[in-house]
Amino acid sequence: MRDPSFADRCDWSKLGGWVWVELLQKRPEFADKCDWSKLDGERWSNLLEKRPEFADRCDWSKLGGWDWGTLLRAQPQFFDKCEKCDWSDLDRDEWRNIIDTLPQFEKFKPPVISPS
């Protein structure tokens, strides 16, 4: 939204998850208008990569293996939220990407992982 003076004319309910991510990355001041339930795991991962300040609103259970892999490479401080992460959800490529960036995660890699 280029001109926030028109925000009061917006029908916020029509915005989908991806639009919310794009908007909040650029204009976080509209967070109070967001229907957070519209964000799935991928959208949460994308949003938190650039705007970690929204972590307190995240439904961590929505994140799957790919979402966790993407998020942790960009924002490893969210590792403590991984108690809800099923590490077996990550495939070989996701593990390789995480470990290349964050070698300390090697200890969490399951002994047998599925190919990508």
Protein backbone atom coordinates (compact mmCIF):
# COMPACT_ATOMS: atom_id res chain seq x y z
CA MET A 1 0.00 0.00 0.00
CA ARG A 2 1.75 3.10 -1.21
CA ASP A 3 -0.53 5.60 0.47
CA PRO A 4 -1.54 4.52 3.98
CA SER A 5 -4.08 7.34 4.19
CA PHE A 6 -6.45 5.06 2.23
CA ALA A 7 -6.13 2.18 4.72
CA ASP A 8 -9.52 2.92 6.24
CA ARG A 9 -11.14 2.18 2.87
CA CYS A 10 -9.57 -1.24 2.51
CA ASP A 11 -11.65 -4.39 2.92
CA TRP A 12 -8.96 -6.28 4.85
CA SER A 13 -11.02 -9.47 4.85
CA LYS A 14 -10.40 -9.93 1.12
CA LEU A 15 -6.63 -10.21 1.52
CA GLY A 16 -5.21 -13.73 1.29
CA GLY A 17 -2.19 -15.16 3.06
CA TRP A 18 0.38 -14.34 0.39
CA VAL A 19 -0.88 -10.75 0.05
CA TRP A 20 -0.60 -10.34 3.82
CA VAL A 21 3.01 -11.53 3.75
CA GLU A 22 3.89 -9.10 0.97
CA LEU A 23 2.12 -6.25 2.74
CA LEU A 24 3.53 -6.89 6.21
CA GLN A 25 7.08 -7.26 4.92
CA LYS A 26 6.82 -3.72 3.55
CA ARG A 27 4.30 -2.15 5.92
CA PRO A 28 4.36 -3.89 9.32
CA GLU A 29 2.19 -1.17 10.84
CA PHE A 30 -0.85 -2.95 9.34
CA ALA A 31 -0.35 -6.03 11.51
CA ASP A 32 -3.36 -5.16 13.65
CA LYS A 33 -5.56 -5.58 10.55
CA CYS A 34 -4.21 -9.03 9.66
CA ASP A 35 -6.27 -12.20 9.88
CA TRP A 36 -3.33 -14.38 10.97
CA SER A 37 -5.31 -17.56 10.37
CA LYS A 38 -4.89 -16.99 6.62
CA LEU A 39 -1.16 -17.69 6.86
CA ASP A 40 -0.11 -21.29 6.27
CA GLY A 41 3.32 -22.70 7.09
CA GLU A 42 4.98 -21.45 3.93
CA ARG A 43 3.58 -17.95 4.42
CA TRP A 44 4.73 -17.87 8.05
CA SER A 45 8.20 -18.99 7.00
CA ASN A 46 8.37 -16.28 4.34
CA LEU A 47 7.12 -13.58 6.69
CA LEU A 48 9.40 -14.49 9.61
CA GLU A 49 12.46 -14.65 7.38
CA LYS A 50 12.21 -10.89 6.91
CA ARG A 51 10.05 -9.87 9.86
CA PRO A 52 10.98 -11.97 12.91
CA GLU A 53 9.14 -9.53 15.15
CA PHE A 54 5.88 -11.30 14.26
CA ALA A 55 7.01 -14.59 15.85
CA ASP A 56 4.76 -14.10 18.87
CA ARG A 57 1.73 -14.34 16.55
CA CYS A 58 2.89 -17.46 14.72
CA ASP A 59 1.04 -20.75 14.89
CA TRP A 60 4.19 -22.89 14.82
CA SER A 61 2.21 -26.06 14.26
CA LYS A 62 1.47 -24.91 10.70
CA LEU A 63 5.13 -25.17 9.67
CA GLY A 64 6.21 -28.31 7.84
CA GLY A 65 9.65 -29.62 6.97
CA TRP A 66 10.35 -27.28 4.06
CA ASP A 67 9.01 -24.30 6.01
CA TRP A 68 11.29 -25.03 8.97
CA GLY A 69 14.29 -25.54 6.70
CA THR A 70 13.73 -22.22 4.97
CA LEU A 71 13.09 -20.34 8.18
CA LEU A 72 16.00 -21.78 10.17
CA ARG A 73 18.53 -21.00 7.45
CA ALA A 74 17.48 -17.36 7.58
CA GLN A 75 16.59 -17.04 11.29
CA PRO A 76 18.29 -19.80 13.33
CA GLN A 77 17.16 -18.18 16.59
CA PHE A 78 13.79 -19.85 16.03
CA PHE A 79 15.30 -23.24 16.71
CA ASP A 80 13.75 -23.18 20.18
CA LYS A 81 10.32 -23.23 18.50
CA CYS A 82 11.20 -26.50 16.77
CA GLU A 83 9.81 -28.58 19.60
CA LYS A 84 6.80 -28.82 17.31
CA CYS A 85 8.94 -29.73 14.33
CA ASP A 86 9.00 -33.32 13.16
CA TRP A 87 12.59 -33.52 11.93
CA SER A 88 11.68 -36.55 9.85
CA ASP A 89 9.54 -34.22 7.69
CA LEU A 90 12.70 -32.78 6.18
CA ASP A 91 14.02 -34.55 3.11
CA ARG A 92 17.67 -35.05 2.13
CA ASP A 93 17.93 -31.76 0.23
CA GLU A 94 16.36 -29.76 3.05
CA TRP A 95 18.81 -31.30 5.53
CA ARG A 96 21.76 -30.58 3.24
CA ASN A 97 20.68 -26.94 2.91
CA ILE A 98 20.27 -26.52 6.66
CA ILE A 99 23.56 -28.23 7.56
CA ASP A 100 25.49 -26.29 4.91
CA THR A 101 24.35 -23.09 6.60
CA LEU A 102 24.09 -24.32 10.20
CA PRO A 103 26.43 -27.29 10.81
CA GLN A 104 25.39 -27.46 14.48
CA PHE A 105 22.08 -28.93 13.31
CA GLU A 106 23.78 -32.14 12.13
CA LYS A 107 23.01 -33.74 15.50
CA PHE A 108 19.26 -33.45 14.82
CA LYS A 109 19.39 -35.16 11.44
CA PRO A 110 17.66 -38.55 11.59
CA PRO A 111 19.92 -41.51 10.74
CA VAL A 112 17.79 -42.43 7.72
CA ILE A 113 16.07 -39.77 5.67
CA SER A 114 13.95 -40.05 2.59
CA PRO A 115 15.32 -38.91 -0.75
CA SER A 116 13.96 -35.67 -2.16
